[in-house]
């Protein structure tokens, strides 16, 4: 019996297993949905499926460099206990090496790529680790960056993986300097490289807010515009990397440090693990009990 995309989708919704695992299960069972579910259970993939609806908001950011290519990725799990597990650390390294070598353009493409040359996909590899580790795991996002020999990667992992930063500093091969810039980004969390990079909508919205604040303070309308422009400068200092005081030497602006090196910052990516994921409300004692009962 021919296996259709709708059948794969249905089995995936029933089990939470990966797309390729579902397709193979249906092929092996000649399209019988119930037998395919049993097939996945027998292969241990159901262990991963049972955890599909759990919240995985902990985890680690991880970075790896190979010559002129670097990757920053985030893998999520359910508790921060797992991030200290050697198997979890090995998972991070395996995924990073794969992403560096294969350079997928999207997360969906990455998950369906063969990992070890034995037909096992990245998604299956993650699911197999779920069965071994006992928690829901997911590759949430990644970025792959290229540079030239004349540039430097700023790669930095903070707090054991809670925050990860990857940047390219062009025009200098000073890795230590580039790492300092990455550390600053991790600490201060700028949103843009420079003023020019801030979109007009963001600036206009902030200008409107500042104008209303000034009017609410009872300031005369004839000086409000000047006040707003002055306060906008402070806003740019808060959100733009080059406008900020360097975290390791607050007397210096980042843009001066970069200029003194004859360098430019091409861009940066900053991952804070779990940002945007609704976390489960549990106290520490309950978390420990849950971990011991697995």
C-alpha atoms as a PDB file:
ATOM      1  CA  UNK A   1       0.000   0.000   0.000  1.00  0.00           C
ATOM      2  CA  UNK A   2       1.334   3.456  -0.919  1.00  0.00           C
ATOM      3  CA  UNK A   3       2.134   5.656   2.040  1.00  0.00           C
ATOM      4  CA  UNK A   4       0.733   9.156   1.602  1.00  0.00           C
ATOM      5  CA  UNK A   5       1.734  12.417   3.220  1.00  0.00           C
ATOM      6  CA  UNK A   6      -1.620  12.609   4.999  1.00  0.00           C
ATOM      7  CA  UNK A   7      -1.023   9.177   6.560  1.00  0.00           C
ATOM      8  CA  UNK A   8       2.399  10.272   7.804  1.00  0.00           C
ATOM      9  CA  UNK A   9       0.852  13.449   9.218  1.00  0.00           C
ATOM     10  CA  UNK A  10      -1.875  11.471  11.014  1.00  0.00           C
ATOM     11  CA  UNK A  11       0.606   9.047  12.569  1.00  0.00           C
ATOM     12  CA  UNK A  12       2.846  11.896  13.638  1.00  0.00           C
ATOM     13  CA  UNK A  13      -0.103  13.619  15.324  1.00  0.00           C
ATOM     14  CA  UNK A  14      -1.035  10.365  17.082  1.00  0.00           C
ATOM     15  CA  UNK A  15       2.449   9.576  18.365  1.00  0.00           C
ATOM     16  CA  UNK A  16       4.551  12.720  18.300  1.00  0.00           C
ATOM     17  CA  UNK A  17       7.289  10.715  16.544  1.00  0.00           C
ATOM     18  CA  UNK A  18       9.441  12.167  13.774  1.00  0.00           C
ATOM     19  CA  UNK A  19       8.253  12.390  10.180  1.00  0.00           C
ATOM     20  CA  UNK A  20      10.775   9.911   8.797  1.00  0.00           C
ATOM     21  CA  UNK A  21      10.123   7.498  11.664  1.00  0.00           C
ATOM     22  CA  UNK A  22       6.391   7.663  10.915  1.00  0.00           C
ATOM     23  CA  UNK A  23       6.963   7.110   7.205  1.00  0.00           C
ATOM     24  CA  UNK A  24       9.167   4.081   7.858  1.00  0.00           C
ATOM     25  CA  UNK A  25       6.658   2.643  10.355  1.00  0.00           C
ATOM     26  CA  UNK A  26       3.859   2.891   7.792  1.00  0.00           C
ATOM     27  CA  UNK A  27       6.013   1.316   5.095  1.00  0.00           C
ATOM     28  CA  UNK A  28       6.960  -1.558   7.388  1.00  0.00           C
ATOM     29  CA  UNK A  29       3.317  -2.187   8.337  1.00  0.00           C
ATOM     30  CA  UNK A  30       1.856  -1.735   4.856  1.00  0.00           C
ATOM     31  CA  UNK A  31      -0.026   1.380   5.854  1.00  0.00           C
ATOM     32  CA  UNK A  32      -1.828  -0.107   8.871  1.00  0.00           C
ATOM     33  CA  UNK A  33      -2.152   2.792  11.314  1.00  0.00           C
ATOM     34  CA  UNK A  34      -2.568   0.722  14.491  1.00  0.00           C
ATOM     35  CA  UNK A  35       0.317  -1.579  13.607  1.00  0.00           C
ATOM     36  CA  UNK A  36       2.433   1.464  12.816  1.00  0.00           C
ATOM     37  CA  UNK A  37       1.738   2.852  16.297  1.00  0.00           C
ATOM     38  CA  UNK A  38       2.810  -0.491  17.803  1.00  0.00           C
ATOM     39  CA  UNK A  39       5.899  -0.519  15.589  1.00  0.00           C
ATOM     40  CA  UNK A  40       6.978   2.839  16.965  1.00  0.00           C
ATOM     41  CA  UNK A  41       6.344   1.660  20.517  1.00  0.00           C
ATOM     42  CA  UNK A  42       8.404  -1.478  19.955  1.00  0.00           C
ATOM     43  CA  UNK A  43      11.291   0.601  18.598  1.00  0.00           C
ATOM     44  CA  UNK A  44      11.233   2.746  21.723  1.00  0.00           C
ATOM     45  CA  UNK A  45      10.278   5.838  19.772  1.00  0.00           C
ATOM     46  CA  UNK A  46       7.028   6.028  21.715  1.00  0.00           C
ATOM     47  CA  UNK A  47       9.072   6.974  24.768  1.00  0.00           C
ATOM     48  CA  UNK A  48       9.902  10.157  22.964  1.00  0.00           C
ATOM     49  CA  UNK A  49       6.320  10.550  21.749  1.00  0.00           C
ATOM     50  CA  UNK A  50       4.909  10.342  25.284  1.00  0.00           C
ATOM     51  CA  UNK A  51       6.999  13.358  26.198  1.00  0.00           C
ATOM     52  CA  UNK A  52       6.014  15.383  23.147  1.00  0.00           C
ATOM     53  CA  UNK A  53       3.515  17.546  25.032  1.00  0.00           C
ATOM     54  CA  UNK A  54       5.854  18.351  27.915  1.00  0.00           C
ATOM     55  CA  UNK A  55       7.379  21.782  28.297  1.00  0.00           C
ATOM     56  CA  UNK A  56      11.088  21.937  27.493  1.00  0.00           C
ATOM     57  CA  UNK A  57      12.171  25.436  28.488  1.00  0.00           C
ATOM     58  CA  UNK A  58      15.561  24.649  30.039  1.00  0.00           C
ATOM     59  CA  UNK A  59      18.624  23.601  28.081  1.00  0.00           C
ATOM     60  CA  UNK A  60      21.885  24.952  26.733  1.00  0.00           C
ATOM     61  CA  UNK A  61      23.275  27.197  24.068  1.00  0.00           C
ATOM     62  CA  UNK A  62      26.395  25.794  22.436  1.00  0.00           C
ATOM     63  CA  UNK A  63      28.902  27.108  19.933  1.00  0.00           C
ATOM     64  CA  UNK A  64      31.510  25.393  17.796  1.00  0.00           C
ATOM     65  CA  UNK A  65      34.020  26.758  15.292  1.00  0.00           C
ATOM     66  CA  UNK A  66      35.691  24.996  12.381  1.00  0.00           C
ATOM     67  CA  UNK A  67      38.077  27.215  10.424  1.00  0.00           C
ATOM     68  CA  UNK A  68      36.046  30.048   8.907  1.00  0.00           C
ATOM     69  CA  UNK A  69      32.666  28.570   9.820  1.00  0.00           C
ATOM     70  CA  UNK A  70      30.959  28.718  13.214  1.00  0.00           C
ATOM     71  CA  UNK A  71      27.607  27.615  14.595  1.00  0.00           C
ATOM     72  CA  UNK A  72      25.520  28.673  17.581  1.00  0.00           C
ATOM     73  CA  UNK A  73      22.630  26.428  18.565  1.00  0.00           C
ATOM     74  CA  UNK A  74      20.078  25.976  21.335  1.00  0.00           C
ATOM     75  CA  UNK A  75      18.858  22.596  22.563  1.00  0.00           C
ATOM     76  CA  UNK A  76      16.025  22.517  25.081  1.00  0.00           C
ATOM     77  CA  UNK A  77      15.211  20.006  27.815  1.00  0.00           C
ATOM     78  CA  UNK A  78      12.795  19.912  30.747  1.00  0.00           C
ATOM     79  CA  UNK A  79      15.122  20.481  33.721  1.00  0.00           C
ATOM     80  CA  UNK A  80      18.520  22.086  34.171  1.00  0.00           C
ATOM     81  CA  UNK A  81      19.769  18.840  35.778  1.00  0.00           C
ATOM     82  CA  UNK A  82      20.008  17.313  32.324  1.00  0.00           C
ATOM     83  CA  UNK A  83      22.332  20.024  31.007  1.00  0.00           C
ATOM     84  CA  UNK A  84      25.058  18.705  33.312  1.00  0.00           C
ATOM     85  CA  UNK A  85      24.637  15.184  31.923  1.00  0.00           C
ATOM     86  CA  UNK A  86      27.580  13.955  29.807  1.00  0.00           C
ATOM     87  CA  UNK A  87      25.171  12.414  27.313  1.00  0.00           C
ATOM     88  CA  UNK A  88      23.417  15.758  26.857  1.00  0.00           C
ATOM     89  CA  UNK A  89      26.779  17.490  26.350  1.00  0.00           C
ATOM     90  CA  UNK A  90      27.690  14.857  23.761  1.00  0.00           C
ATOM     91  CA  UNK A  91      24.371  15.479  22.010  1.00  0.00           C
ATOM     92  CA  UNK A  92      25.186  19.199  21.755  1.00  0.00           C
ATOM     93  CA  UNK A  93      28.587  18.473  20.243  1.00  0.00           C
ATOM     94  CA  UNK A  94      27.217  15.918  17.754  1.00  0.00           C
ATOM     95  CA  UNK A  95      24.542  18.330  16.568  1.00  0.00           C
ATOM     96  CA  UNK A  96      27.013  21.208  16.273  1.00  0.00           C
ATOM     97  CA  UNK A  97      29.429  19.103  14.200  1.00  0.00           C
ATOM     98  CA  UNK A  98      26.605  18.004  11.918  1.00  0.00           C
ATOM     99  CA  UNK A  99      25.358  21.560  11.386  1.00  0.00           C
ATOM    100  CA  UNK A 100      28.882  22.784  10.602  1.00  0.00           C
ATOM    101  CA  UNK A 101      29.503  20.043   8.065  1.00  0.00           C
ATOM    102  CA  UNK A 102      26.105  19.989   6.339  1.00  0.00           C
ATOM    103  CA  UNK A 103      25.092  23.656   6.666  1.00  0.00           C
ATOM    104  CA  UNK A 104      21.306  23.202   6.468  1.00  0.00           C
ATOM    105  CA  UNK A 105      19.356  26.372   5.746  1.00  0.00           C
ATOM    106  CA  UNK A 106      16.372  25.634   7.986  1.00  0.00           C
ATOM    107  CA  UNK A 107      15.565  23.695  11.151  1.00  0.00           C
ATOM    108  CA  UNK A 108      13.197  21.439   9.193  1.00  0.00           C
ATOM    109  CA  UNK A 109      15.957  20.585   6.729  1.00  0.00           C
ATOM    110  CA  UNK A 110      18.411  19.890   9.545  1.00  0.00           C
ATOM    111  CA  UNK A 111      16.050  17.487  11.338  1.00  0.00           C
ATOM    112  CA  UNK A 112      15.587  15.345   8.227  1.00  0.00           C
ATOM    113  CA  UNK A 113      19.260  15.096   7.284  1.00  0.00           C
ATOM    114  CA  UNK A 114      21.145  11.802   7.841  1.00  0.00           C
ATOM    115  CA  UNK A 115      23.451  12.145  10.819  1.00  0.00           C
ATOM    116  CA  UNK A 116      25.916   9.286  10.876  1.00  0.00           C
ATOM    117  CA  UNK A 117      25.685   7.889   7.363  1.00  0.00           C
ATOM    118  CA  UNK A 118      23.574   4.961   8.597  1.00  0.00           C
ATOM    119  CA  UNK A 119      20.209   6.396   7.589  1.00  0.00           C
ATOM    120  CA  UNK A 120      19.449   7.770  11.049  1.00  0.00           C
ATOM    121  CA  UNK A 121      18.149  11.320  10.773  1.00  0.00           C
ATOM    122  CA  UNK A 122      18.951  14.141  13.173  1.00  0.00           C
ATOM    123  CA  UNK A 123      15.358  13.947  14.408  1.00  0.00           C
ATOM    124  CA  UNK A 124      15.681  10.210  15.103  1.00  0.00           C
ATOM    125  CA  UNK A 125      19.011  10.791  16.841  1.00  0.00           C
ATOM    126  CA  UNK A 126      17.351  13.320  19.159  1.00  0.00           C
ATOM    127  CA  UNK A 127      14.417  10.973  19.804  1.00  0.00           C
ATOM    128  CA  UNK A 128      16.777   8.143  20.677  1.00  0.00           C
ATOM    129  CA  UNK A 129      18.448  10.423  23.214  1.00  0.00           C
ATOM    130  CA  UNK A 130      15.030  11.273  24.662  1.00  0.00           C
ATOM    131  CA  UNK A 131      14.506   7.572  25.314  1.00  0.00           C
ATOM    132  CA  UNK A 132      17.903   7.309  27.033  1.00  0.00           C
ATOM    133  CA  UNK A 133      17.903  10.576  28.995  1.00  0.00           C
ATOM    134  CA  UNK A 134      14.242  10.445  29.965  1.00  0.00           C
ATOM    135  CA  UNK A 135      13.252  14.020  29.133  1.00  0.00           C
ATOM    136  CA  UNK A 136      11.827  15.820  26.155  1.00  0.00           C
ATOM    137  CA  UNK A 137      14.664  17.277  24.072  1.00  0.00           C
ATOM    138  CA  UNK A 138      14.453  19.559  21.070  1.00  0.00           C
ATOM    139  CA  UNK A 139      16.797  21.378  18.733  1.00  0.00           C
ATOM    140  CA  UNK A 140      15.100  24.758  18.860  1.00  0.00           C
ATOM    141  CA  UNK A 141      17.237  26.978  16.628  1.00  0.00           C
ATOM    142  CA  UNK A 142      20.694  27.524  15.185  1.00  0.00           C
ATOM    143  CA  UNK A 143      22.700  30.009  13.155  1.00  0.00           C
ATOM    144  CA  UNK A 144      25.685  29.254  10.930  1.00  0.00           C
ATOM    145  CA  UNK A 145      28.136  32.094  10.249  1.00  0.00           C
ATOM    146  CA  UNK A 146      31.056  32.457   7.841  1.00  0.00           C
ATOM    147  CA  UNK A 147      34.110  34.726   7.945  1.00  0.00           C
ATOM    148  CA  UNK A 148      37.406  35.282   6.106  1.00  0.00           C
ATOM    149  CA  UNK A 149      40.961  34.778   7.347  1.00  0.00           C
ATOM    150  CA  UNK A 150      41.137  38.519   8.062  1.00  0.00           C
ATOM    151  CA  UNK A 151      38.195  38.389  10.489  1.00  0.00           C
ATOM    152  CA  UNK A 152      37.555  36.938  13.933  1.00  0.00           C
ATOM    153  CA  UNK A 153      34.685  35.023  15.490  1.00  0.00           C
ATOM    154  CA  UNK A 154      33.424  36.219  18.826  1.00  0.00           C
ATOM    155  CA  UNK A 155      31.990  33.078  20.393  1.00  0.00           C
ATOM    156  CA  UNK A 156      30.923  33.066  24.025  1.00  0.00           C
ATOM    157  CA  UNK A 157      28.817  30.839  26.290  1.00  0.00           C
ATOM    158  CA  UNK A 158      27.682  32.342  29.593  1.00  0.00           C
ATOM    159  CA  UNK A 159      26.483  30.674  32.811  1.00  0.00           C
ATOM    160  CA  UNK A 160      27.120  27.150  31.632  1.00  0.00           C
ATOM    161  CA  UNK A 161      25.017  27.563  28.509  1.00  0.00           C
ATOM    162  CA  UNK A 162      22.203  29.838  29.646  1.00  0.00           C
ATOM    163  CA  UNK A 163      23.251  32.521  27.142  1.00  0.00           C
ATOM    164  CA  UNK A 164      25.165  32.036  23.907  1.00  0.00           C
ATOM    165  CA  UNK A 165      26.560  34.667  21.540  1.00  0.00           C
ATOM    166  CA  UNK A 166      28.158  34.427  18.116  1.00  0.00           C
ATOM    167  CA  UNK A 167      29.457  37.465  16.236  1.00  0.00           C
ATOM    168  CA  UNK A 168      31.876  38.259  13.429  1.00  0.00           C
ATOM    169  CA  UNK A 169      34.297  41.149  13.860  1.00  0.00           C
ATOM    170  CA  UNK A 170      35.615  42.069  10.425  1.00  0.00           C
ATOM    171  CA  UNK A 171      39.016  43.616   9.823  1.00  0.00           C
ATOM    172  CA  UNK A 172      40.830  41.989  12.745  1.00  0.00           C
ATOM    173  CA  UNK A 173      41.992  38.452  13.429  1.00  0.00           C
ATOM    174  CA  UNK A 174      42.134  39.125  17.184  1.00  0.00           C
ATOM    175  CA  UNK A 175      39.994  36.318  18.614  1.00  0.00           C
ATOM    176  CA  UNK A 176      40.367  37.565  22.197  1.00  0.00           C
ATOM    177  CA  UNK A 177      39.046  40.993  21.218  1.00  0.00           C
ATOM    178  CA  UNK A 178      36.125  39.454  19.326  1.00  0.00           C
ATOM    179  CA  UNK A 179      35.311  37.294  22.361  1.00  0.00           C
ATOM    180  CA  UNK A 180      35.265  40.422  24.539  1.00  0.00           C
ATOM    181  CA  UNK A 181      32.664  41.916  22.191  1.00  0.00           C
ATOM    182  CA  UNK A 182      30.637  38.698  22.426  1.00  0.00           C
ATOM    183  CA  UNK A 183      30.841  38.827  26.244  1.00  0.00           C
ATOM    184  CA  UNK A 184      29.559  42.410  26.158  1.00  0.00           C
ATOM    185  CA  UNK A 185      26.624  41.330  23.968  1.00  0.00           C
ATOM    186  CA  UNK A 186      25.840  38.510  26.395  1.00  0.00           C
ATOM    187  CA  UNK A 187      25.860  40.886  29.376  1.00  0.00           C
ATOM    188  CA  UNK A 188      24.128  43.967  27.965  1.00  0.00           C
ATOM    189  CA  UNK A 189      21.819  42.394  25.353  1.00  0.00           C
ATOM    190  CA  UNK A 190      21.772  44.997  22.566  1.00  0.00           C
ATOM    191  CA  UNK A 191      19.134  44.542  19.886  1.00  0.00           C
ATOM    192  CA  UNK A 192      20.966  46.154  16.957  1.00  0.00           C
ATOM    193  CA  UNK A 193      24.575  46.778  15.881  1.00  0.00           C
ATOM    194  CA  UNK A 194      24.182  50.505  15.162  1.00  0.00           C
ATOM    195  CA  UNK A 195      21.662  53.339  14.906  1.00  0.00           C
ATOM    196  CA  UNK A 196      21.447  52.812  11.162  1.00  0.00           C
ATOM    197  CA  UNK A 197      20.270  49.254  11.732  1.00  0.00           C
ATOM    198  CA  UNK A 198      17.240  50.305  13.798  1.00  0.00           C
ATOM    199  CA  UNK A 199      14.088  50.175  11.700  1.00  0.00           C
ATOM    200  CA  UNK A 200      12.004  53.310  11.269  1.00  0.00           C
ATOM    201  CA  UNK A 201       8.960  51.753  12.923  1.00  0.00           C
ATOM    202  CA  UNK A 202      10.881  51.140  16.170  1.00  0.00           C
ATOM    203  CA  UNK A 203      12.267  54.696  16.174  1.00  0.00           C
ATOM    204  CA  UNK A 204       8.873  56.283  15.409  1.00  0.00           C
ATOM    205  CA  UNK A 205       7.175  54.261  18.135  1.00  0.00           C
ATOM    206  CA  UNK A 206       9.762  55.279  20.725  1.00  0.00           C
ATOM    207  CA  UNK A 207       9.602  58.917  19.578  1.00  0.00           C
ATOM    208  CA  UNK A 208       5.805  58.910  20.107  1.00  0.00           C
ATOM    209  CA  UNK A 209       6.182  57.411  23.593  1.00  0.00           C
ATOM    210  CA  UNK A 210       8.850  59.926  24.592  1.00  0.00           C
ATOM    211  CA  UNK A 211       6.803  62.819  23.238  1.00  0.00           C
ATOM    212  CA  UNK A 212       3.768  61.761  25.244  1.00  0.00           C
ATOM    213  CA  UNK A 213       5.906  61.332  28.364  1.00  0.00           C
ATOM    214  CA  UNK A 214       7.255  64.872  27.995  1.00  0.00           C
ATOM    215  CA  UNK A 215       3.769  66.307  27.483  1.00  0.00           C
ATOM    216  CA  UNK A 216       2.506  64.394  30.519  1.00  0.00           C
ATOM    217  CA  UNK A 217       5.318  65.976  32.534  1.00  0.00           C
ATOM    218  CA  UNK A 218       3.848  69.346  31.645  1.00  0.00           C
ATOM    219  CA  UNK A 219       6.731  70.426  29.434  1.00  0.00           C
ATOM    220  CA  UNK A 220       5.972  73.273  26.969  1.00  0.00           C
ATOM    221  CA  UNK A 221       5.329  72.030  23.445  1.00  0.00           C
ATOM    222  CA  UNK A 222       8.008  74.312  21.995  1.00  0.00           C
ATOM    223  CA  UNK A 223      10.780  72.376  23.793  1.00  0.00           C
ATOM    224  CA  UNK A 224       9.248  68.892  23.651  1.00  0.00           C
ATOM    225  CA  UNK A 225      10.808  68.071  20.279  1.00  0.00           C
ATOM    226  CA  UNK A 226      14.314  68.906  21.500  1.00  0.00           C
ATOM    227  CA  UNK A 227      13.728  66.842  24.640  1.00  0.00           C
ATOM    228  CA  UNK A 228      12.529  63.909  22.591  1.00  0.00           C
ATOM    229  CA  UNK A 229      15.629  63.946  20.371  1.00  0.00           C
ATOM    230  CA  UNK A 230      17.854  64.044  23.448  1.00  0.00           C
ATOM    231  CA  UNK A 231      16.045  61.130  25.027  1.00  0.00           C
ATOM    232  CA  UNK A 232      16.195  59.201  21.765  1.00  0.00           C
ATOM    233  CA  UNK A 233      19.972  59.293  22.105  1.00  0.00           C
ATOM    234  CA  UNK A 234      19.634  57.486  25.421  1.00  0.00           C
ATOM    235  CA  UNK A 235      17.309  54.975  23.782  1.00  0.00           C
ATOM    236  CA  UNK A 236      19.909  54.219  21.108  1.00  0.00           C
ATOM    237  CA  UNK A 237      22.512  53.690  23.835  1.00  0.00           C
ATOM    238  CA  UNK A 238      20.261  51.055  25.377  1.00  0.00           C
ATOM    239  CA  UNK A 239      19.582  49.054  22.197  1.00  0.00           C
ATOM    240  CA  UNK A 240      22.587  49.616  19.883  1.00  0.00           C
ATOM    241  CA  UNK A 241      25.874  47.781  20.455  1.00  0.00           C
ATOM    242  CA  UNK A 242      28.124  50.528  19.100  1.00  0.00           C
ATOM    243  CA  UNK A 243      26.459  53.216  21.220  1.00  0.00           C
ATOM    244  CA  UNK A 244      26.923  51.340  24.492  1.00  0.00           C
ATOM    245  CA  UNK A 245      29.582  51.757  27.164  1.00  0.00           C
ATOM    246  CA  UNK A 246      31.865  48.727  27.076  1.00  0.00           C
ATOM    247  CA  UNK A 247      30.976  46.429  29.944  1.00  0.00           C
ATOM    248  CA  UNK A 248      34.631  45.777  30.897  1.00  0.00           C
ATOM    249  CA  UNK A 249      35.563  49.485  30.689  1.00  0.00           C
ATOM    250  CA  UNK A 250      32.484  51.744  31.042  1.00  0.00           C
ATOM    251  CA  UNK A 251      34.559  54.836  30.244  1.00  0.00           C
ATOM    252  CA  UNK A 252      34.850  53.680  26.630  1.00  0.00           C
ATOM    253  CA  UNK A 253      32.183  53.266  23.978  1.00  0.00           C
ATOM    254  CA  UNK A 254      32.121  50.027  22.017  1.00  0.00           C
ATOM    255  CA  UNK A 255      32.263  51.991  18.750  1.00  0.00           C
ATOM    256  CA  UNK A 256      35.605  53.565  19.787  1.00  0.00           C
ATOM    257  CA  UNK A 257      37.088  50.172  20.660  1.00  0.00           C
ATOM    258  CA  UNK A 258      35.974  48.823  17.296  1.00  0.00           C
ATOM    259  CA  UNK A 259      37.274  51.899  15.442  1.00  0.00           C
ATOM    260  CA  UNK A 260      40.644  51.749  17.211  1.00  0.00           C
ATOM    261  CA  UNK A 261      41.018  48.211  15.876  1.00  0.00           C
ATOM    262  CA  UNK A 262      40.149  49.352  12.367  1.00  0.00           C
ATOM    263  CA  UNK A 263      37.356  46.823  12.517  1.00  0.00           C
ATOM    264  CA  UNK A 264      33.598  46.563  12.033  1.00  0.00           C
ATOM    265  CA  UNK A 265      30.957  44.314  13.548  1.00  0.00           C
ATOM    266  CA  UNK A 266      29.174  42.428  10.791  1.00  0.00           C
ATOM    267  CA  UNK A 267      26.356  41.275  13.017  1.00  0.00           C
ATOM    268  CA  UNK A 268      25.596  39.097  15.995  1.00  0.00           C
ATOM    269  CA  UNK A 269      23.235  36.456  17.318  1.00  0.00           C
ATOM    270  CA  UNK A 270      22.375  36.151  21.006  1.00  0.00           C
ATOM    271  CA  UNK A 271      20.380  33.198  22.354  1.00  0.00           C
ATOM    272  CA  UNK A 272      19.008  33.201  25.878  1.00  0.00           C
ATOM    273  CA  UNK A 273      17.823  29.680  26.595  1.00  0.00           C
ATOM    274  CA  UNK A 274      14.070  29.337  26.917  1.00  0.00           C
ATOM    275  CA  UNK A 275      13.254  32.933  25.979  1.00  0.00           C
ATOM    276  CA  UNK A 276       9.707  33.096  24.681  1.00  0.00           C
ATOM    277  CA  UNK A 277       8.797  29.636  25.989  1.00  0.00           C
ATOM    278  CA  UNK A 278       6.111  29.515  28.657  1.00  0.00           C
ATOM    279  CA  UNK A 279       7.713  27.748  31.598  1.00  0.00           C
ATOM    280  CA  UNK A 280       5.971  25.332  33.897  1.00  0.00           C
ATOM    281  CA  UNK A 281       5.419  26.625  37.422  1.00  0.00           C
ATOM    282  CA  UNK A 282       7.098  24.240  39.853  1.00  0.00           C
ATOM    283  CA  UNK A 283       9.024  24.709  43.049  1.00  0.00           C
ATOM    284  CA  UNK A 284      12.481  23.282  43.523  1.00  0.00           C
ATOM    285  CA  UNK A 285      11.394  20.410  45.791  1.00  0.00           C
ATOM    286  CA  UNK A 286       8.829  19.239  43.238  1.00  0.00           C
ATOM    287  CA  UNK A 287      11.435  19.402  40.478  1.00  0.00           C
ATOM    288  CA  UNK A 288      13.811  17.207  42.471  1.00  0.00           C
ATOM    289  CA  UNK A 289      11.051  14.678  43.220  1.00  0.00           C
ATOM    290  CA  UNK A 290      10.047  14.557  39.559  1.00  0.00           C
ATOM    291  CA  UNK A 291      13.628  13.994  38.522  1.00  0.00           C
ATOM    292  CA  UNK A 292      14.094  11.151  41.063  1.00  0.00           C
ATOM    293  CA  UNK A 293      10.877   9.442  39.960  1.00  0.00           C
ATOM    294  CA  UNK A 294      11.901   9.146  36.317  1.00  0.00           C
END
